[in-house]
Amino acid sequence: MKAIRKAAVAAIALATLSTVGLSACGSGSGGKDAKGKDGVTNIVMWHGFSEADGKTLKKIVENFNKSQKKYHIDAQLQPWSTIGETMVTKVTSGDGPDFVTTGADNGQGWSIDGTFQCVQDFYDDPSNETKNYLPNVTKQTEFTIDGKKQQCAVPMGYAPTTVWYNTDMWKAAGLTDQDYPKTWDQLLDVAKKLTKGDGSQYGMALSDSGWAAFMKGNGTGLYDTKGKVTINSEQNKAFLQKMREFYKGGYSKTGMDDTAARESFESGQSAMVIVGPWEDQAATDKGIKHDLFPVPNGDGTYVYPDGRKGSNTGSTGLYWWVTSQVKDEAKKKGIYAFFKYYNNHDNQVMWSLGSAYPPNNKTVTTEELSKRPLIAKVSENTDNSYIGIAGLKGGFGDISATLDSVTQNTARTDDDISASLSKASNKIQKYLDEYKAED
């Protein structure tokens, strides 16, 4: 029941990912020795990529299968909205995927409860070239399991958020590269300059959900790295009050989720939007001339695990996870062989150019990404980006929904912010206690 509950709440989070998969039928390999008559070990992968990123992943898988004769990766497309819930149910019965892609935000809970098995031995083998992985990406999946800190996942697609802006609107407002904001308050001021008083142009399309990174960068976050709930603070209240005034001033349209915010930018209604690297292709397809700059830091006091403060840069952090049903050594070696292949230099160039995700491999150069120069610029922000809601044993979906309720009330209503934060604090504490008690 514990695993199923975690899957249900995680499914809510997965539904918010920018890339939406299509449903697909298929079954797992049952966690058994799946060698066929020709001696090839069949390995089932689940993912949710259905667009350009899916085509690129498919090509990498096909190339891997052709590159050797020991293993065959059976890549099966699943909808992001249910991939987690279905995965846990299937793995429990031994008929799920051998490895799957999902986020670090819910992956920690599944590593703790045994749905995923950690992969420290993959990192311990120097021949796997994990020294070339971006350090800040791998740090996000170092968990303490059974009292031992270890690596539990391998990078798949890690995408920092950035501020995308309409270059025509930027120029028309008299702004230049020298006006790139260095602080969150400066970002709001720039948005005001980009707003037209007649309502024909908003300065920024800012979703009023998914603010975990902003609450850390500008306030005290939801809870600290030791698990103490910190959402109900004067600093958070002051930040939310500032953002309420921003919305009331008409500098961003209200009532938008991430999809609506992107549509506002891509239609030319708004001059800026904060989103991942996939905006490059989307804006290009809609004929919007665009560029980007980093999400500026705030004056928050939340301390990240590496000791830094102020980052408002969130990320979509997808990783490869090996499920607990994999007990056959040949199959595990095959999965590890694919991990090494997927993250090698050449395939990370292919993945980045085809999917818009920055490369996971630090040996990839800017010149090699010259066909998509803005994606190379996105990758410069990886080191200052963090998983918004992390460090959880479970309850990710519940905590995410609780925060969304606070920020949506801030943007859309005149409800008392203090009362909203107090209510959210009690809820978050309840969720943290619930999963702590189940440990």
Protein backbone atom coordinates (compact mmCIF):
# COMPACT_ATOMS: atom_id res chain seq x y z
CA MET A 1 0.00 0.00 0.00
CA LYS A 2 2.85 2.34 0.77
CA ALA A 3 4.37 1.90 -2.69
CA ILE A 4 1.02 2.29 -4.42
CA ARG A 5 0.25 5.49 -2.51
CA LYS A 6 3.62 6.95 -3.49
CA ALA A 7 2.94 6.07 -7.09
CA ALA A 8 -0.43 7.80 -7.03
CA VAL A 9 0.84 11.09 -5.72
CA ALA A 10 3.89 11.01 -7.99
CA ALA A 11 1.63 10.57 -11.00
CA ILE A 12 0.21 14.02 -10.31
CA ALA A 13 3.70 15.49 -10.59
CA LEU A 14 4.55 13.59 -13.72
CA ALA A 15 1.45 14.97 -15.41
CA THR A 16 2.98 18.44 -15.20
CA LEU A 17 6.08 17.60 -17.22
CA SER A 18 6.38 19.66 -20.36
CA THR A 19 6.76 16.66 -22.63
CA VAL A 20 3.58 14.63 -22.76
CA GLY A 21 3.75 11.01 -23.82
CA LEU A 22 1.11 8.98 -25.59
CA SER A 23 -0.22 5.78 -24.13
CA ALA A 24 1.36 2.60 -25.28
CA CYS A 25 0.73 -1.04 -24.69
CA GLY A 26 3.45 -3.41 -23.71
CA SER A 27 4.56 -5.62 -20.92
CA GLY A 28 7.69 -5.97 -18.89
CA SER A 29 10.08 -8.84 -18.92
CA GLY A 30 9.12 -10.15 -15.52
CA GLY A 31 12.56 -9.54 -14.06
CA LYS A 32 13.69 -12.97 -15.25
CA ASP A 33 16.46 -14.13 -17.53
CA ALA A 34 14.94 -12.94 -20.79
CA LYS A 35 17.40 -14.44 -23.28
CA GLY A 36 15.84 -15.36 -26.57
CA LYS A 37 16.68 -18.32 -28.77
CA ASP A 38 19.54 -16.36 -30.29
CA GLY A 39 21.06 -15.72 -26.85
CA VAL A 40 20.25 -12.01 -26.86
CA THR A 41 19.08 -10.61 -23.51
CA ASN A 42 15.89 -8.58 -23.88
CA ILE A 43 15.63 -5.48 -21.66
CA VAL A 44 12.47 -3.41 -21.27
CA MET A 45 12.72 0.37 -21.02
CA TRP A 46 9.84 2.72 -20.23
CA HIS A 47 9.87 6.40 -21.19
CA GLY A 48 7.35 9.13 -22.01
CA PHE A 49 8.99 10.99 -24.90
CA SER A 50 6.66 11.26 -27.89
CA GLU A 51 7.84 14.23 -29.96
CA ALA A 52 11.26 15.25 -31.34
CA ASP A 53 12.87 14.02 -28.15
CA GLY A 54 11.19 10.66 -28.60
CA LYS A 55 12.49 10.32 -32.15
CA THR A 56 16.00 11.10 -30.97
CA LEU A 57 15.82 8.59 -28.13
CA LYS A 58 14.47 5.97 -30.52
CA LYS A 59 17.45 6.51 -32.83
CA ILE A 60 19.93 6.14 -29.96
CA VAL A 61 18.24 2.91 -28.85
CA GLU A 62 18.27 1.53 -32.39
CA ASN A 63 21.95 2.38 -32.74
CA PHE A 64 22.74 0.68 -29.45
CA ASN A 65 20.90 -2.47 -30.48
CA LYS A 66 22.87 -2.54 -33.75
CA SER A 67 26.19 -1.82 -32.04
CA GLN A 68 26.40 -5.19 -30.26
CA LYS A 69 24.77 -8.63 -30.23
CA LYS A 70 24.36 -9.34 -26.50
CA TYR A 71 21.42 -7.08 -25.60
CA HIS A 72 18.23 -5.74 -27.10
CA ILE A 73 16.55 -2.67 -25.58
CA ASP A 74 12.77 -2.80 -26.00
CA ALA A 75 11.82 0.89 -25.61
CA GLN A 76 8.16 1.26 -24.69
CA LEU A 77 6.31 4.58 -24.72
CA GLN A 78 4.10 5.31 -21.70
CA PRO A 79 2.05 8.40 -20.81
CA TRP A 80 3.83 10.70 -18.35
CA SER A 81 0.60 11.08 -16.39
CA THR A 82 0.52 7.42 -15.34
CA ILE A 83 4.02 6.07 -15.94
CA GLY A 84 4.90 6.15 -12.22
CA GLU A 85 1.72 4.57 -10.90
CA THR A 86 1.75 1.87 -13.56
CA MET A 87 5.45 1.21 -13.08
CA VAL A 88 5.14 0.56 -9.34
CA THR A 89 2.16 -1.75 -9.81
CA LYS A 90 3.89 -3.71 -12.57
CA VAL A 91 7.24 -3.96 -10.77
CA THR A 92 5.47 -5.24 -7.67
CA SER A 93 4.08 -8.10 -9.72
CA GLY A 94 7.39 -8.63 -11.53
CA ASP A 95 5.99 -7.63 -14.91
CA GLY A 96 7.22 -4.03 -15.16
CA PRO A 97 10.09 -2.31 -16.92
CA ASP A 98 13.69 -3.19 -16.20
CA PHE A 99 14.56 0.48 -16.22
CA VAL A 100 12.52 3.66 -16.51
CA THR A 101 12.92 7.40 -16.79
CA THR A 102 11.37 9.60 -14.12
CA GLY A 103 12.31 12.56 -11.95
CA ALA A 104 14.58 12.80 -8.93
CA ASP A 105 11.74 14.41 -6.98
CA ASN A 106 9.83 11.12 -6.66
CA GLY A 107 12.75 8.80 -7.41
CA GLN A 108 14.17 9.20 -3.93
CA GLY A 109 11.05 7.79 -2.30
CA TRP A 110 11.04 4.85 -4.70
CA SER A 111 14.72 4.22 -3.98
CA ILE A 112 14.05 4.16 -0.25
CA ASP A 113 11.07 1.84 -0.46
CA GLY A 114 12.89 -0.59 -2.75
CA THR A 115 11.05 0.00 -6.02
CA PHE A 116 14.36 1.16 -7.49
CA GLN A 117 17.78 -0.32 -6.81
CA CYS A 118 20.73 2.03 -6.53
CA VAL A 119 23.52 2.01 -9.08
CA GLN A 120 26.63 2.95 -7.11
CA ASP A 121 28.49 0.04 -8.70
CA PHE A 122 27.96 1.66 -12.11
CA TYR A 123 29.67 4.83 -10.86
CA ASP A 124 32.43 2.85 -9.14
CA ASP A 125 33.57 1.37 -12.46
CA PRO A 126 35.84 3.96 -14.16
CA SER A 127 35.28 2.34 -17.56
CA ASN A 128 31.74 3.78 -17.49
CA GLU A 129 33.24 7.28 -17.75
CA THR A 130 30.92 8.81 -15.17
CA LYS A 131 33.68 11.32 -14.40
CA ASN A 132 32.44 13.12 -17.53
CA TYR A 133 28.93 13.63 -16.12
CA LEU A 134 28.00 17.12 -14.94
CA PRO A 135 28.54 17.15 -11.15
CA ASN A 136 25.45 19.17 -10.27
CA VAL A 137 23.29 16.74 -12.23
CA THR A 138 24.58 13.64 -10.45
CA LYS A 139 24.43 15.31 -7.03
CA GLN A 140 20.64 15.42 -7.29
CA THR A 141 20.41 11.62 -7.07
CA GLU A 142 22.84 10.90 -4.23
CA PHE A 143 20.60 9.49 -1.51
CA THR A 144 21.16 7.90 1.86
CA ILE A 145 19.72 4.40 1.64
CA ASP A 146 19.89 2.11 4.67
CA GLY A 147 22.34 4.49 6.30
CA LYS A 148 24.69 4.61 3.32
CA LYS A 149 25.02 7.51 0.87
CA GLN A 150 25.05 6.22 -2.68
CA GLN A 151 24.17 7.00 -6.26
CA CYS A 152 20.73 5.79 -7.23
CA ALA A 153 20.26 6.95 -10.82
CA VAL A 154 22.01 7.88 -14.07
CA PRO A 155 21.39 11.18 -15.91
CA MET A 156 18.81 11.08 -18.68
CA GLY A 157 17.51 14.61 -19.41
CA TYR A 158 18.35 17.47 -17.08
CA ALA A 159 16.92 20.83 -18.16
CA PRO A 160 17.42 24.09 -16.22
CA THR A 161 14.83 26.81 -16.53
CA THR A 162 15.79 30.13 -18.11
CA VAL A 163 14.05 33.40 -18.96
CA TRP A 164 13.07 33.44 -22.63
CA TYR A 165 12.30 36.85 -24.09
CA ASN A 166 10.85 38.24 -27.31
CA THR A 167 13.75 40.13 -28.89
CA ASP A 168 11.49 42.45 -30.92
CA MET A 169 9.57 43.50 -27.80
CA TRP A 170 12.82 43.84 -25.86
CA LYS A 171 14.27 46.18 -28.48
CA ALA A 172 11.05 48.18 -28.81
CA ALA A 173 11.14 48.86 -25.07
CA GLY A 174 14.63 50.30 -25.44
CA LEU A 175 16.31 47.40 -23.65
CA THR A 176 19.71 45.92 -24.52
CA ASP A 177 21.89 43.06 -23.27
CA GLN A 178 23.09 45.44 -20.56
CA ASP A 179 19.58 45.36 -19.11
CA TYR A 180 19.60 41.66 -18.30
CA PRO A 181 18.39 41.57 -14.68
CA LYS A 182 20.78 40.34 -12.02
CA THR A 183 18.20 40.07 -9.21
CA TRP A 184 14.59 38.92 -8.95
CA ASP A 185 13.44 42.49 -8.21
CA GLN A 186 15.21 43.69 -11.33
CA LEU A 187 13.39 40.99 -13.32
CA LEU A 188 10.05 42.32 -12.09
CA ASP A 189 11.12 45.85 -12.99
CA VAL A 190 12.05 44.75 -16.52
CA ALA A 191 8.66 43.05 -16.85
CA LYS A 192 7.01 46.36 -15.96
CA LYS A 193 8.96 48.13 -18.71
CA LEU A 194 7.82 45.50 -21.20
CA THR A 195 4.14 45.85 -20.25
CA LYS A 196 1.81 48.05 -22.29
CA GLY A 197 -0.82 49.94 -20.33
CA ASP A 198 -3.56 49.21 -22.87
CA GLY A 199 -3.44 45.51 -22.03
CA SER A 200 -2.09 44.46 -25.43
CA GLN A 201 1.22 43.22 -24.05
CA TYR A 202 2.22 41.68 -20.73
CA GLY A 203 5.79 41.93 -19.49
CA MET A 204 5.98 38.29 -18.43
CA ALA A 205 3.83 35.19 -18.72
CA LEU A 206 4.28 33.82 -15.20
CA SER A 207 2.49 30.63 -14.24
CA ASP A 208 1.09 30.76 -10.72
CA SER A 209 2.00 27.13 -9.99
CA GLY A 210 5.27 25.25 -9.64
CA TRP A 211 6.95 27.92 -7.50
CA ALA A 212 9.12 25.65 -5.34
CA ALA A 213 12.33 27.11 -6.78
CA PHE A 214 11.06 30.68 -6.39
CA MET A 215 10.14 30.09 -2.75
CA LYS A 216 13.70 28.94 -2.11
CA GLY A 217 15.36 31.65 -4.15
CA ASN A 218 13.32 34.48 -2.66
CA GLY A 219 12.36 33.11 0.74
CA THR A 220 12.87 30.23 3.13
CA GLY A 221 11.50 27.43 0.95
CA LEU A 222 8.97 24.82 2.06
CA TYR A 223 11.25 22.83 4.39
CA ASP A 224 14.99 22.80 4.97
CA THR A 225 17.52 20.07 4.21
CA LYS A 226 16.93 18.58 7.68
CA GLY A 227 13.19 18.26 7.05
CA LYS A 228 12.04 21.19 9.22
CA VAL A 229 9.00 22.92 7.71
CA THR A 230 9.87 26.52 6.84
CA ILE A 231 7.06 27.67 4.55
CA ASN A 232 5.28 29.80 7.16
CA SER A 233 7.85 32.59 7.44
CA GLU A 234 7.79 36.37 7.24
CA GLN A 235 10.21 36.21 4.30
CA ASN A 236 7.89 33.94 2.32
CA LYS A 237 4.94 36.16 3.19
CA ALA A 238 6.78 39.27 1.97
CA PHE A 239 7.70 37.54 -1.30
CA LEU A 240 4.14 36.40 -1.93
CA GLN A 241 2.79 39.86 -1.17
CA LYS A 242 5.25 41.31 -3.69
CA MET A 243 4.07 38.84 -6.31
CA ARG A 244 0.40 39.59 -5.57
CA GLU A 245 1.09 43.25 -6.27
CA PHE A 246 2.90 42.26 -9.47
CA TYR A 247 -0.15 40.40 -10.76
CA LYS A 248 -2.53 43.12 -9.64
CA GLY A 249 -0.41 45.66 -11.52
CA GLY A 250 -1.23 43.83 -14.75
CA TYR A 251 2.35 42.86 -15.57
CA SER A 252 1.40 39.20 -16.02
CA LYS A 253 -1.88 37.62 -16.99
CA THR A 254 -3.37 35.72 -14.04
CA GLY A 255 -4.70 32.19 -13.83
CA MET A 256 -2.10 30.53 -16.04
CA ASP A 257 -0.45 27.14 -15.66
CA ASP A 258 2.83 26.38 -17.45
CA THR A 259 1.09 25.48 -20.72
CA ALA A 260 -0.95 28.68 -20.77
CA ALA A 261 2.12 30.76 -19.91
CA ARG A 262 4.01 29.27 -22.84
CA GLU A 263 1.06 29.88 -25.16
CA SER A 264 0.94 33.50 -24.05
CA PHE A 265 4.61 33.94 -24.95
CA GLU A 266 4.38 32.00 -28.20
CA SER A 267 1.35 34.00 -29.35
CA GLY A 268 3.13 37.33 -28.82
CA GLN A 269 0.88 38.27 -25.91
CA SER A 270 3.74 38.31 -23.37
CA ALA A 271 7.35 39.44 -23.67
CA MET A 272 8.99 36.89 -21.34
CA VAL A 273 8.41 33.41 -19.92
CA ILE A 274 10.34 31.19 -17.51
CA VAL A 275 10.52 27.65 -18.85
CA GLY A 276 12.85 24.88 -19.98
CA PRO A 277 14.88 24.61 -23.22
CA TRP A 278 12.05 23.15 -25.30
CA GLU A 279 10.80 26.75 -25.66
CA ASP A 280 13.48 27.34 -28.29
CA GLN A 281 11.81 25.11 -30.87
CA ALA A 282 8.28 26.08 -29.85
CA ALA A 283 8.96 29.81 -30.22
CA THR A 284 10.75 29.22 -33.51
CA ASP A 285 7.78 27.26 -34.85
CA LYS A 286 5.46 30.16 -33.93
CA GLY A 287 7.69 32.74 -35.56
CA ILE A 288 8.71 34.44 -32.30
CA LYS A 289 12.22 35.91 -32.40
CA HIS A 290 13.76 35.08 -29.07
CA ASP A 291 16.79 34.84 -26.84
CA LEU A 292 17.38 33.95 -23.19
CA PHE A 293 19.13 34.93 -20.00
CA PRO A 294 19.51 33.17 -16.62
CA VAL A 295 16.71 33.27 -14.07
CA PRO A 296 18.17 35.88 -11.68
CA ASN A 297 18.86 35.01 -8.08
CA GLY A 298 16.76 36.30 -5.22
CA ASP A 299 17.62 37.30 -1.66
CA GLY A 300 16.24 34.12 -0.10
CA THR A 301 17.82 32.55 2.96
CA TYR A 302 17.09 28.94 2.04
CA VAL A 303 20.39 27.04 2.04
CA TYR A 304 20.81 24.40 -0.68
CA PRO A 305 22.67 21.18 0.17
CA ASP A 306 25.84 22.60 -1.44
CA GLY A 307 25.67 25.68 0.79
CA ARG A 308 24.48 28.16 -1.81
CA LYS A 309 21.54 30.55 -1.47
CA GLY A 310 19.27 32.54 -3.74
CA SER A 311 18.91 30.34 -6.82
CA ASN A 312 15.55 30.69 -8.58
CA THR A 313 16.62 28.27 -11.30
CA GLY A 314 14.59 25.10 -11.19
CA SER A 315 14.93 22.11 -13.46
CA THR A 316 13.17 19.22 -15.07
CA GLY A 317 15.50 16.51 -13.80
CA LEU A 318 14.84 13.19 -15.50
CA TYR A 319 17.04 10.16 -14.78
CA TRP A 320 17.37 6.49 -15.63
CA TRP A 321 16.36 4.20 -12.74
CA VAL A 322 16.84 0.43 -12.50
CA THR A 323 13.82 -1.32 -11.00
CA SER A 324 13.97 -3.90 -8.24
CA GLN A 325 12.71 -6.65 -10.52
CA VAL A 326 16.11 -6.82 -12.25
CA LYS A 327 17.90 -9.73 -10.61
CA ASP A 328 19.59 -11.30 -13.62
CA GLU A 329 23.25 -10.22 -13.81
CA ALA A 330 23.34 -10.35 -17.62
CA LYS A 331 20.38 -8.01 -17.78
CA LYS A 332 21.97 -5.58 -15.34
CA LYS A 333 25.17 -5.56 -17.40
CA GLY A 334 23.07 -4.79 -20.47
CA ILE A 335 21.35 -1.88 -18.76
CA TYR A 336 24.70 -0.51 -17.63
CA ALA A 337 26.06 -0.90 -21.16
CA PHE A 338 23.17 1.20 -22.44
CA PHE A 339 23.69 3.85 -19.74
CA LYS A 340 27.33 4.20 -20.79
CA TYR A 341 26.35 4.33 -24.47
CA TYR A 342 23.55 6.85 -23.97
CA ASN A 343 25.73 9.30 -22.04
CA ASN A 344 28.86 9.05 -24.17
CA HIS A 345 30.11 12.13 -25.98
CA ASP A 346 28.66 11.51 -29.44
CA ASN A 347 25.24 10.39 -28.26
CA GLN A 348 24.92 13.36 -25.93
CA VAL A 349 25.56 15.65 -28.90
CA MET A 350 22.83 13.79 -30.79
CA TRP A 351 20.45 13.87 -27.80
CA SER A 352 20.97 17.57 -27.17
CA LEU A 353 20.52 18.67 -30.77
CA GLY A 354 17.49 16.45 -31.26
CA SER A 355 15.69 16.94 -27.95
CA ALA A 356 16.70 20.48 -26.83
CA TYR A 357 17.89 19.10 -23.49
CA PRO A 358 21.43 20.23 -22.62
CA PRO A 359 24.03 17.45 -22.69
CA ASN A 360 24.80 15.44 -19.56
CA ASN A 361 28.39 14.97 -20.67
CA LYS A 362 30.73 17.88 -19.90
CA THR A 363 33.06 16.98 -22.79
CA VAL A 364 30.47 18.27 -25.29
CA THR A 365 31.57 21.69 -26.56
CA THR A 366 29.62 24.79 -27.49
CA GLU A 367 30.85 24.44 -31.06
CA GLU A 368 29.33 20.97 -31.30
CA LEU A 369 25.95 22.48 -30.39
CA SER A 370 26.30 25.35 -32.87
CA LYS A 371 23.18 24.25 -34.75
CA ARG A 372 21.23 25.11 -31.58
CA PRO A 373 23.25 27.86 -29.91
CA LEU A 374 20.55 28.73 -27.38
CA ILE A 375 20.61 25.20 -26.00
CA ALA A 376 24.33 25.66 -25.37
CA LYS A 377 23.41 28.86 -23.47
CA VAL A 378 20.85 26.93 -21.42
CA SER A 379 23.53 24.46 -20.34
CA GLU A 380 25.50 27.32 -18.76
CA ASN A 381 22.79 27.45 -16.07
CA THR A 382 22.94 23.81 -15.06
CA ASP A 383 25.36 24.42 -12.20
CA ASN A 384 22.97 26.91 -10.56
CA SER A 385 19.82 24.79 -11.00
CA TYR A 386 18.14 22.53 -8.47
CA ILE A 387 15.23 20.13 -8.15
CA GLY A 388 12.38 22.25 -6.76
CA ILE A 389 10.91 19.73 -4.32
CA ALA A 390 13.62 17.31 -3.26
CA GLY A 391 14.80 15.27 -0.30
CA LEU A 392 11.46 13.51 0.17
CA LYS A 393 10.80 9.92 1.19
CA GLY A 394 7.31 10.33 -0.22
CA GLY A 395 4.38 12.72 -0.59
CA PHE A 396 5.80 14.72 -3.49
CA GLY A 397 2.45 15.16 -5.26
CA ASP A 398 0.67 16.21 -2.06
CA ILE A 399 3.31 18.78 -1.16
CA SER A 400 3.41 20.14 -4.70
CA ALA A 401 -0.37 20.55 -4.73
CA THR A 402 -0.26 22.29 -1.33
CA LEU A 403 2.24 24.84 -2.61
CA ASP A 404 0.21 25.41 -5.79
CA SER A 405 -2.82 26.20 -3.65
CA VAL A 406 -0.84 28.89 -1.81
CA THR A 407 0.57 30.53 -4.93
CA GLN A 408 -2.69 30.39 -6.86
CA ASN A 409 -4.54 32.00 -3.97
CA THR A 410 -1.83 34.66 -3.93
CA ALA A 411 -2.18 35.45 -7.61
CA ARG A 412 -5.93 35.03 -8.07
CA THR A 413 -7.56 36.11 -4.80
CA ASP A 414 -7.30 38.54 -1.90
CA ASP A 415 -7.22 35.72 0.66
CA ASP A 416 -5.05 36.33 3.70
CA ILE A 417 -1.52 35.16 2.86
CA SER A 418 -0.57 34.48 6.46
CA ALA A 419 -3.53 32.16 6.91
CA SER A 420 -2.71 30.40 3.66
CA LEU A 421 0.89 29.82 4.72
CA SER A 422 -0.15 28.57 8.15
CA LYS A 423 -2.55 26.08 6.63
CA ALA A 424 0.08 24.90 4.15
CA SER A 425 2.64 24.51 6.93
CA ASN A 426 0.35 22.15 8.84
CA LYS A 427 -0.34 20.09 5.74
CA ILE A 428 3.31 19.77 4.74
CA GLN A 429 4.28 18.78 8.27
CA LYS A 430 1.61 16.10 8.18
CA TYR A 431 2.97 14.67 4.92
CA LEU A 432 6.58 14.71 6.15
CA ASP A 433 5.55 12.99 9.40
CA GLU A 434 3.51 10.41 7.53
CA TYR A 435 6.41 9.21 5.42
CA LYS A 436 8.91 9.50 8.25
CA ALA A 437 6.69 7.22 10.31
CA GLU A 438 6.57 4.70 7.46
CA ASP A 439 10.35 4.55 7.14
